[in-house]
């Protein structure tokens, strides 16, 4: 599948006409799946490598959705003796979710590993915040021109960049959509929400299964949109000033198939 061209469909939760509450319920499900599957075990590897290469321990998480895996990665790195400060950002920030993540991490981590957030919109392709920029599970949402603009912005501002997505493989689109949909069905009663949204989640999961359908459809489309390692390399090679960065592209062995692109200023 690595040699096949990327197919740029549209995911349902990306559509402008998708109700914001549906988008929030969907991204909260994704965040819950990250916790359920301990994705941080493999997802922490690229960030740890970037930090060893000299990237800043101040982390600016782009496209953080409802919190994403980075706060979980921060906890894992802390157990390994690596301390980071995380700022959650998004083009349409879910401030309430960010506040819940901030409070949860404050209960289990000391002051050396803080979580804060930007309540205003942050464009991943034109970011002015300083720190190591991370984007987990969202890079494939950007068509090539915007993906290149995001990387170019990191080079122009001399900020390290860590991109993590799933590798291109025939196995993942055949297997993962069923697993993630099953997790949505199993996890709905256990997700913490204010009562009205909790009841809405149950209705849209079991009575009118909008959320399982959205997860299945978006999972299939996500894997069709993933960039291969050769495509990432072409992006890097075409950047202005690319020689001023050290770049690494690879895959973390394991269940998640975490593929990474790391760029650190020389």
C-alpha atoms as a PDB file:
ATOM      1  CA  UNK A   1       0.000   0.000   0.000  1.00  0.00           C
ATOM      2  CA  UNK A   2       3.020   2.263   0.482  1.00  0.00           C
ATOM      3  CA  UNK A   3       3.323   2.546  -3.298  1.00  0.00           C
ATOM      4  CA  UNK A   4      -0.347   3.391  -3.904  1.00  0.00           C
ATOM      5  CA  UNK A   5      -1.369   7.027  -4.336  1.00  0.00           C
ATOM      6  CA  UNK A   6      -2.996   8.831  -1.449  1.00  0.00           C
ATOM      7  CA  UNK A   7      -6.757   9.290  -1.884  1.00  0.00           C
ATOM      8  CA  UNK A   8      -8.016  12.608  -0.550  1.00  0.00           C
ATOM      9  CA  UNK A   9     -11.602  11.944   0.563  1.00  0.00           C
ATOM     10  CA  UNK A  10     -13.337  13.992   3.260  1.00  0.00           C
ATOM     11  CA  UNK A  11     -14.007  12.691   6.758  1.00  0.00           C
ATOM     12  CA  UNK A  12     -17.443  13.366   8.194  1.00  0.00           C
ATOM     13  CA  UNK A  13     -16.211  15.237  11.253  1.00  0.00           C
ATOM     14  CA  UNK A  14     -14.237  17.589   8.977  1.00  0.00           C
ATOM     15  CA  UNK A  15     -17.349  18.805   7.171  1.00  0.00           C
ATOM     16  CA  UNK A  16     -18.455  22.361   7.959  1.00  0.00           C
ATOM     17  CA  UNK A  17     -22.078  21.238   8.170  1.00  0.00           C
ATOM     18  CA  UNK A  18     -21.344  18.578  10.808  1.00  0.00           C
ATOM     19  CA  UNK A  19     -22.918  19.831  14.072  1.00  0.00           C
ATOM     20  CA  UNK A  20     -20.225  20.905  16.569  1.00  0.00           C
ATOM     21  CA  UNK A  21     -21.636  18.602  19.252  1.00  0.00           C
ATOM     22  CA  UNK A  22     -21.172  15.604  16.943  1.00  0.00           C
ATOM     23  CA  UNK A  23     -17.593  16.657  16.245  1.00  0.00           C
ATOM     24  CA  UNK A  24     -16.944  16.985  19.969  1.00  0.00           C
ATOM     25  CA  UNK A  25     -18.454  13.582  20.789  1.00  0.00           C
ATOM     26  CA  UNK A  26     -16.364  12.038  18.010  1.00  0.00           C
ATOM     27  CA  UNK A  27     -13.049  13.566  19.110  1.00  0.00           C
ATOM     28  CA  UNK A  28     -13.819  12.656  22.739  1.00  0.00           C
ATOM     29  CA  UNK A  29     -14.252   9.047  21.598  1.00  0.00           C
ATOM     30  CA  UNK A  30     -10.876   9.199  19.879  1.00  0.00           C
ATOM     31  CA  UNK A  31      -9.241  10.560  23.036  1.00  0.00           C
ATOM     32  CA  UNK A  32     -10.876   7.759  25.052  1.00  0.00           C
ATOM     33  CA  UNK A  33      -9.560   5.150  22.596  1.00  0.00           C
ATOM     34  CA  UNK A  34      -6.046   6.540  23.025  1.00  0.00           C
ATOM     35  CA  UNK A  35      -6.347   5.881  26.756  1.00  0.00           C
ATOM     36  CA  UNK A  36      -8.012   2.496  26.318  1.00  0.00           C
ATOM     37  CA  UNK A  37      -5.326   1.158  23.964  1.00  0.00           C
ATOM     38  CA  UNK A  38      -2.338   2.730  25.761  1.00  0.00           C
ATOM     39  CA  UNK A  39      -1.326   4.333  22.456  1.00  0.00           C
ATOM     40  CA  UNK A  40       1.174   6.489  24.369  1.00  0.00           C
ATOM     41  CA  UNK A  41       3.461   3.487  24.716  1.00  0.00           C
ATOM     42  CA  UNK A  42       4.355   3.636  21.019  1.00  0.00           C
ATOM     43  CA  UNK A  43       3.390   7.254  20.309  1.00  0.00           C
ATOM     44  CA  UNK A  44       5.902   8.502  22.887  1.00  0.00           C
ATOM     45  CA  UNK A  45       8.851   7.066  20.943  1.00  0.00           C
ATOM     46  CA  UNK A  46       9.051   9.743  18.184  1.00  0.00           C
ATOM     47  CA  UNK A  47       8.768  12.614  20.675  1.00  0.00           C
ATOM     48  CA  UNK A  48      11.388  11.023  22.920  1.00  0.00           C
ATOM     49  CA  UNK A  49      13.699  10.704  19.906  1.00  0.00           C
ATOM     50  CA  UNK A  50      13.130  14.359  18.957  1.00  0.00           C
ATOM     51  CA  UNK A  51      13.969  15.469  22.516  1.00  0.00           C
ATOM     52  CA  UNK A  52      17.207  13.469  22.394  1.00  0.00           C
ATOM     53  CA  UNK A  53      18.048  15.249  19.132  1.00  0.00           C
ATOM     54  CA  UNK A  54      17.749  18.599  20.915  1.00  0.00           C
ATOM     55  CA  UNK A  55      14.073  19.534  20.485  1.00  0.00           C
ATOM     56  CA  UNK A  56      12.540  21.843  23.079  1.00  0.00           C
ATOM     57  CA  UNK A  57      10.772  20.306  26.086  1.00  0.00           C
ATOM     58  CA  UNK A  58       8.084  22.954  25.621  1.00  0.00           C
ATOM     59  CA  UNK A  59       5.502  21.066  23.513  1.00  0.00           C
ATOM     60  CA  UNK A  60       2.928  22.837  21.324  1.00  0.00           C
ATOM     61  CA  UNK A  61       0.361  20.209  20.340  1.00  0.00           C
ATOM     62  CA  UNK A  62      -1.407  21.141  17.104  1.00  0.00           C
ATOM     63  CA  UNK A  63      -4.894  19.858  16.179  1.00  0.00           C
ATOM     64  CA  UNK A  64      -5.323  18.519  19.716  1.00  0.00           C
ATOM     65  CA  UNK A  65      -9.049  17.792  19.302  1.00  0.00           C
ATOM     66  CA  UNK A  66     -10.406  16.885  22.731  1.00  0.00           C
ATOM     67  CA  UNK A  67      -6.956  16.435  24.239  1.00  0.00           C
ATOM     68  CA  UNK A  68      -5.413  13.751  22.052  1.00  0.00           C
ATOM     69  CA  UNK A  69      -2.550  11.481  23.139  1.00  0.00           C
ATOM     70  CA  UNK A  70       0.056  14.109  24.051  1.00  0.00           C
ATOM     71  CA  UNK A  71      -0.986  14.513  27.732  1.00  0.00           C
ATOM     72  CA  UNK A  72      -0.797  10.698  28.025  1.00  0.00           C
ATOM     73  CA  UNK A  73       2.617  10.771  26.370  1.00  0.00           C
ATOM     74  CA  UNK A  74       3.695  13.445  28.842  1.00  0.00           C
ATOM     75  CA  UNK A  75       2.828  11.121  31.733  1.00  0.00           C
ATOM     76  CA  UNK A  76       4.781   8.246  30.206  1.00  0.00           C
ATOM     77  CA  UNK A  77       7.828  10.439  29.570  1.00  0.00           C
ATOM     78  CA  UNK A  78       7.635  11.711  33.154  1.00  0.00           C
ATOM     79  CA  UNK A  79       7.853   8.119  34.426  1.00  0.00           C
ATOM     80  CA  UNK A  80      11.001   7.795  32.315  1.00  0.00           C
ATOM     81  CA  UNK A  81      12.489  10.930  33.894  1.00  0.00           C
ATOM     82  CA  UNK A  82      11.760  13.268  30.966  1.00  0.00           C
ATOM     83  CA  UNK A  83       9.885  16.447  31.916  1.00  0.00           C
ATOM     84  CA  UNK A  84       7.808  18.447  29.430  1.00  0.00           C
ATOM     85  CA  UNK A  85       5.412  21.390  29.410  1.00  0.00           C
ATOM     86  CA  UNK A  86       2.476  20.951  27.025  1.00  0.00           C
ATOM     87  CA  UNK A  87       0.252  23.550  25.369  1.00  0.00           C
ATOM     88  CA  UNK A  88      -2.880  22.171  23.671  1.00  0.00           C
ATOM     89  CA  UNK A  89      -4.096  24.013  20.559  1.00  0.00           C
ATOM     90  CA  UNK A  90      -6.620  23.577  17.778  1.00  0.00           C
ATOM     91  CA  UNK A  91      -8.157  25.550  14.938  1.00  0.00           C
ATOM     92  CA  UNK A  92     -11.490  25.122  16.761  1.00  0.00           C
ATOM     93  CA  UNK A  93     -10.384  24.602  20.363  1.00  0.00           C
ATOM     94  CA  UNK A  94     -12.500  22.427  22.659  1.00  0.00           C
ATOM     95  CA  UNK A  95     -11.770  24.527  25.743  1.00  0.00           C
ATOM     96  CA  UNK A  96     -13.849  22.434  28.145  1.00  0.00           C
ATOM     97  CA  UNK A  97     -12.033  19.271  27.111  1.00  0.00           C
ATOM     98  CA  UNK A  98      -8.687  21.057  27.429  1.00  0.00           C
ATOM     99  CA  UNK A  99      -9.628  22.194  30.927  1.00  0.00           C
ATOM    100  CA  UNK A 100     -10.532  18.629  31.925  1.00  0.00           C
ATOM    101  CA  UNK A 101      -7.181  17.366  30.642  1.00  0.00           C
ATOM    102  CA  UNK A 102      -5.364  20.147  32.458  1.00  0.00           C
ATOM    103  CA  UNK A 103      -7.115  19.301  35.727  1.00  0.00           C
ATOM    104  CA  UNK A 104      -6.551  15.554  35.318  1.00  0.00           C
ATOM    105  CA  UNK A 105      -2.837  15.956  34.664  1.00  0.00           C
ATOM    106  CA  UNK A 106      -2.452  18.401  37.547  1.00  0.00           C
ATOM    107  CA  UNK A 107      -3.703  15.668  39.888  1.00  0.00           C
ATOM    108  CA  UNK A 108      -1.071  13.129  38.830  1.00  0.00           C
ATOM    109  CA  UNK A 109       1.940  15.160  37.668  1.00  0.00           C
ATOM    110  CA  UNK A 110       4.179  17.609  39.545  1.00  0.00           C
ATOM    111  CA  UNK A 111       4.763  21.223  38.511  1.00  0.00           C
ATOM    112  CA  UNK A 112       7.655  20.220  36.244  1.00  0.00           C
ATOM    113  CA  UNK A 113       5.152  18.681  33.803  1.00  0.00           C
ATOM    114  CA  UNK A 114       2.407  21.234  33.252  1.00  0.00           C
ATOM    115  CA  UNK A 115      -0.465  21.273  30.756  1.00  0.00           C
ATOM    116  CA  UNK A 116      -2.003  24.504  29.532  1.00  0.00           C
ATOM    117  CA  UNK A 117      -3.958  25.458  26.425  1.00  0.00           C
ATOM    118  CA  UNK A 118      -4.705  28.189  23.918  1.00  0.00           C
ATOM    119  CA  UNK A 119      -8.364  29.185  24.038  1.00  0.00           C
ATOM    120  CA  UNK A 120      -8.093  31.088  20.746  1.00  0.00           C
ATOM    121  CA  UNK A 121      -7.806  29.504  17.314  1.00  0.00           C
ATOM    122  CA  UNK A 122      -4.350  28.277  16.242  1.00  0.00           C
ATOM    123  CA  UNK A 123      -3.705  27.571  12.561  1.00  0.00           C
ATOM    124  CA  UNK A 124      -1.280  24.647  12.273  1.00  0.00           C
ATOM    125  CA  UNK A 125       0.038  26.012   8.961  1.00  0.00           C
ATOM    126  CA  UNK A 126       0.806  29.458  10.404  1.00  0.00           C
ATOM    127  CA  UNK A 127       1.712  28.952  14.051  1.00  0.00           C
ATOM    128  CA  UNK A 128       3.562  31.632  16.015  1.00  0.00           C
ATOM    129  CA  UNK A 129       3.971  29.680  19.269  1.00  0.00           C
ATOM    130  CA  UNK A 130       7.483  28.633  20.287  1.00  0.00           C
ATOM    131  CA  UNK A 131       8.245  25.049  21.172  1.00  0.00           C
ATOM    132  CA  UNK A 132       8.348  21.579  19.689  1.00  0.00           C
ATOM    133  CA  UNK A 133       5.255  21.249  17.517  1.00  0.00           C
ATOM    134  CA  UNK A 134       3.501  17.899  17.597  1.00  0.00           C
ATOM    135  CA  UNK A 135       0.614  16.688  15.466  1.00  0.00           C
ATOM    136  CA  UNK A 136      -0.733  13.242  16.294  1.00  0.00           C
ATOM    137  CA  UNK A 137      -3.239  11.452  14.067  1.00  0.00           C
ATOM    138  CA  UNK A 138      -4.199  14.582  12.143  1.00  0.00           C
ATOM    139  CA  UNK A 139      -1.504  15.237   9.529  1.00  0.00           C
ATOM    140  CA  UNK A 140      -3.430  13.226   6.922  1.00  0.00           C
ATOM    141  CA  UNK A 141      -6.294  15.735   7.226  1.00  0.00           C
ATOM    142  CA  UNK A 142      -4.131  18.275   5.391  1.00  0.00           C
ATOM    143  CA  UNK A 143      -3.888  18.079   1.588  1.00  0.00           C
ATOM    144  CA  UNK A 144      -0.306  18.181   0.253  1.00  0.00           C
ATOM    145  CA  UNK A 145      -0.148  21.968  -0.213  1.00  0.00           C
ATOM    146  CA  UNK A 146      -1.241  22.637   3.369  1.00  0.00           C
ATOM    147  CA  UNK A 147       0.890  19.814   4.777  1.00  0.00           C
ATOM    148  CA  UNK A 148       3.952  21.348   3.115  1.00  0.00           C
ATOM    149  CA  UNK A 149       2.951  24.786   4.415  1.00  0.00           C
ATOM    150  CA  UNK A 150       2.851  23.412   7.959  1.00  0.00           C
ATOM    151  CA  UNK A 151       6.349  21.961   7.634  1.00  0.00           C
ATOM    152  CA  UNK A 152       7.650  25.106   5.945  1.00  0.00           C
ATOM    153  CA  UNK A 153       6.263  27.225   8.771  1.00  0.00           C
ATOM    154  CA  UNK A 154       8.207  25.106  11.272  1.00  0.00           C
ATOM    155  CA  UNK A 155      11.409  25.545   9.254  1.00  0.00           C
ATOM    156  CA  UNK A 156      10.873  29.299   8.774  1.00  0.00           C
ATOM    157  CA  UNK A 157      10.315  29.825  12.504  1.00  0.00           C
ATOM    158  CA  UNK A 158      13.021  27.273  13.451  1.00  0.00           C
ATOM    159  CA  UNK A 159      10.715  25.260  15.673  1.00  0.00           C
ATOM    160  CA  UNK A 160      11.117  21.457  15.945  1.00  0.00           C
ATOM    161  CA  UNK A 161       8.343  19.364  14.410  1.00  0.00           C
ATOM    162  CA  UNK A 162       7.063  15.877  15.270  1.00  0.00           C
ATOM    163  CA  UNK A 163       4.400  14.369  12.984  1.00  0.00           C
ATOM    164  CA  UNK A 164       2.895  10.995  13.933  1.00  0.00           C
ATOM    165  CA  UNK A 165       0.269   9.135  11.925  1.00  0.00           C
ATOM    166  CA  UNK A 166      -0.404   5.502  11.007  1.00  0.00           C
ATOM    167  CA  UNK A 167       1.747   3.861   8.360  1.00  0.00           C
ATOM    168  CA  UNK A 168       0.348   2.956   4.961  1.00  0.00           C
ATOM    169  CA  UNK A 169      -0.637  -0.731   5.036  1.00  0.00           C
ATOM    170  CA  UNK A 170      -3.389  -2.959   3.643  1.00  0.00           C
ATOM    171  CA  UNK A 171      -3.934  -4.425   7.108  1.00  0.00           C
ATOM    172  CA  UNK A 172      -5.011  -1.248   8.875  1.00  0.00           C
ATOM    173  CA  UNK A 173      -8.003  -0.181   6.703  1.00  0.00           C
ATOM    174  CA  UNK A 174      -9.248  -3.780   6.788  1.00  0.00           C
ATOM    175  CA  UNK A 175      -8.909  -4.212  10.548  1.00  0.00           C
ATOM    176  CA  UNK A 176      -8.790  -0.937  12.482  1.00  0.00           C
ATOM    177  CA  UNK A 177     -12.187   0.554  11.462  1.00  0.00           C
ATOM    178  CA  UNK A 178     -13.926  -2.487  12.969  1.00  0.00           C
ATOM    179  CA  UNK A 179     -11.860  -2.275  16.158  1.00  0.00           C
ATOM    180  CA  UNK A 180     -12.369   1.467  16.653  1.00  0.00           C
ATOM    181  CA  UNK A 181     -16.112   1.138  15.996  1.00  0.00           C
ATOM    182  CA  UNK A 182     -16.318  -1.690  18.525  1.00  0.00           C
ATOM    183  CA  UNK A 183     -14.514   0.503  21.058  1.00  0.00           C
ATOM    184  CA  UNK A 184     -17.067   3.283  20.499  1.00  0.00           C
ATOM    185  CA  UNK A 185     -19.884   0.809  21.206  1.00  0.00           C
ATOM    186  CA  UNK A 186     -18.210  -0.568  24.327  1.00  0.00           C
ATOM    187  CA  UNK A 187     -16.916   2.698  25.778  1.00  0.00           C
ATOM    188  CA  UNK A 188     -19.959   4.983  25.453  1.00  0.00           C
ATOM    189  CA  UNK A 189     -21.383   4.291  28.956  1.00  0.00           C
ATOM    190  CA  UNK A 190     -17.991   4.906  30.565  1.00  0.00           C
ATOM    191  CA  UNK A 191     -17.188   8.296  29.067  1.00  0.00           C
ATOM    192  CA  UNK A 192     -17.467  11.254  31.419  1.00  0.00           C
ATOM    193  CA  UNK A 193     -19.740  13.994  30.108  1.00  0.00           C
ATOM    194  CA  UNK A 194     -22.284  16.409  31.572  1.00  0.00           C
ATOM    195  CA  UNK A 195     -25.592  14.540  31.856  1.00  0.00           C
ATOM    196  CA  UNK A 196     -27.302  16.025  28.748  1.00  0.00           C
ATOM    197  CA  UNK A 197     -24.316  15.188  26.523  1.00  0.00           C
ATOM    198  CA  UNK A 198     -23.878  11.797  28.187  1.00  0.00           C
ATOM    199  CA  UNK A 199     -27.481  10.911  27.348  1.00  0.00           C
ATOM    200  CA  UNK A 200     -27.026  12.270  23.825  1.00  0.00           C
ATOM    201  CA  UNK A 201     -23.948  10.062  23.411  1.00  0.00           C
ATOM    202  CA  UNK A 202     -25.963   6.987  24.432  1.00  0.00           C
ATOM    203  CA  UNK A 203     -28.779   7.877  22.039  1.00  0.00           C
ATOM    204  CA  UNK A 204     -26.389   8.500  19.130  1.00  0.00           C
ATOM    205  CA  UNK A 205     -24.493   5.293  19.888  1.00  0.00           C
ATOM    206  CA  UNK A 206     -27.246   2.744  20.512  1.00  0.00           C
ATOM    207  CA  UNK A 207     -30.646   4.076  19.408  1.00  0.00           C
ATOM    208  CA  UNK A 208     -29.537   6.013  16.326  1.00  0.00           C
ATOM    209  CA  UNK A 209     -25.964   4.751  15.742  1.00  0.00           C
ATOM    210  CA  UNK A 210     -24.567   7.938  14.254  1.00  0.00           C
ATOM    211  CA  UNK A 211     -21.325   7.885  16.277  1.00  0.00           C
ATOM    212  CA  UNK A 212     -20.367   4.274  15.405  1.00  0.00           C
ATOM    213  CA  UNK A 213     -21.063   4.971  11.730  1.00  0.00           C
ATOM    214  CA  UNK A 214     -19.018   8.168  11.828  1.00  0.00           C
ATOM    215  CA  UNK A 215     -16.105   6.361  13.494  1.00  0.00           C
ATOM    216  CA  UNK A 216     -16.188   3.518  10.949  1.00  0.00           C
ATOM    217  CA  UNK A 217     -16.479   5.809   7.915  1.00  0.00           C
ATOM    218  CA  UNK A 218     -13.835   8.257   9.116  1.00  0.00           C
ATOM    219  CA  UNK A 219     -11.443   5.430  10.047  1.00  0.00           C
ATOM    220  CA  UNK A 220     -11.625   3.962   6.535  1.00  0.00           C
ATOM    221  CA  UNK A 221     -11.154   7.369   4.926  1.00  0.00           C
ATOM    222  CA  UNK A 222      -8.291   8.205   7.301  1.00  0.00           C
ATOM    223  CA  UNK A 223      -6.250   5.221   6.154  1.00  0.00           C
ATOM    224  CA  UNK A 224      -6.844   6.092   2.501  1.00  0.00           C
ATOM    225  CA  UNK A 225      -5.552   9.617   3.213  1.00  0.00           C
ATOM    226  CA  UNK A 226      -2.388   8.604   5.055  1.00  0.00           C
ATOM    227  CA  UNK A 227       0.914   9.785   3.597  1.00  0.00           C
ATOM    228  CA  UNK A 228       3.534   7.181   2.770  1.00  0.00           C
ATOM    229  CA  UNK A 229       7.163   7.568   3.783  1.00  0.00           C
ATOM    230  CA  UNK A 230       8.209   8.367   0.206  1.00  0.00           C
ATOM    231  CA  UNK A 231       5.626  11.170   0.069  1.00  0.00           C
ATOM    232  CA  UNK A 232       6.887  12.586   3.371  1.00  0.00           C
ATOM    233  CA  UNK A 233      10.439  12.491   2.050  1.00  0.00           C
ATOM    234  CA  UNK A 234       9.439  14.410  -1.078  1.00  0.00           C
ATOM    235  CA  UNK A 235       7.774  17.062   1.090  1.00  0.00           C
ATOM    236  CA  UNK A 236      10.907  17.455   3.190  1.00  0.00           C
ATOM    237  CA  UNK A 237      13.183  17.581   0.138  1.00  0.00           C
ATOM    238  CA  UNK A 238      11.104  20.391  -1.371  1.00  0.00           C
ATOM    239  CA  UNK A 239      11.174  22.694   1.658  1.00  0.00           C
ATOM    240  CA  UNK A 240      13.076  25.958   1.475  1.00  0.00           C
ATOM    241  CA  UNK A 241      15.902  25.758   4.017  1.00  0.00           C
ATOM    242  CA  UNK A 242      15.395  22.029   4.613  1.00  0.00           C
ATOM    243  CA  UNK A 243      19.168  21.607   4.972  1.00  0.00           C
ATOM    244  CA  UNK A 244      19.060  23.646   8.193  1.00  0.00           C
ATOM    245  CA  UNK A 245      17.077  20.839   9.875  1.00  0.00           C
ATOM    246  CA  UNK A 246      17.863  17.242  10.763  1.00  0.00           C
ATOM    247  CA  UNK A 247      15.027  15.055   9.457  1.00  0.00           C
ATOM    248  CA  UNK A 248      14.101  11.490  10.391  1.00  0.00           C
ATOM    249  CA  UNK A 249      11.285   9.371   8.924  1.00  0.00           C
ATOM    250  CA  UNK A 250      10.414   5.944  10.296  1.00  0.00           C
ATOM    251  CA  UNK A 251       7.886   3.589  11.887  1.00  0.00           C
ATOM    252  CA  UNK A 252       7.653   2.512  15.519  1.00  0.00           C
ATOM    253  CA  UNK A 253       7.300  -1.291  15.716  1.00  0.00           C
ATOM    254  CA  UNK A 254       4.037  -2.313  17.350  1.00  0.00           C
ATOM    255  CA  UNK A 255       0.267  -2.528  17.116  1.00  0.00           C
ATOM    256  CA  UNK A 256      -0.468   1.110  16.246  1.00  0.00           C
ATOM    257  CA  UNK A 257       1.873   1.245  13.235  1.00  0.00           C
ATOM    258  CA  UNK A 258       2.960   4.726  14.306  1.00  0.00           C
ATOM    259  CA  UNK A 259       4.787   6.398  11.419  1.00  0.00           C
ATOM    260  CA  UNK A 260       6.753   9.525  12.226  1.00  0.00           C
ATOM    261  CA  UNK A 261       8.414  12.512  10.643  1.00  0.00           C
ATOM    262  CA  UNK A 262      10.796  14.403  12.921  1.00  0.00           C
ATOM    263  CA  UNK A 263      12.483  17.713  12.100  1.00  0.00           C
ATOM    264  CA  UNK A 264      14.884  19.418  14.498  1.00  0.00           C
ATOM    265  CA  UNK A 265      16.892  22.604  13.733  1.00  0.00           C
ATOM    266  CA  UNK A 266      20.613  21.957  13.386  1.00  0.00           C
END
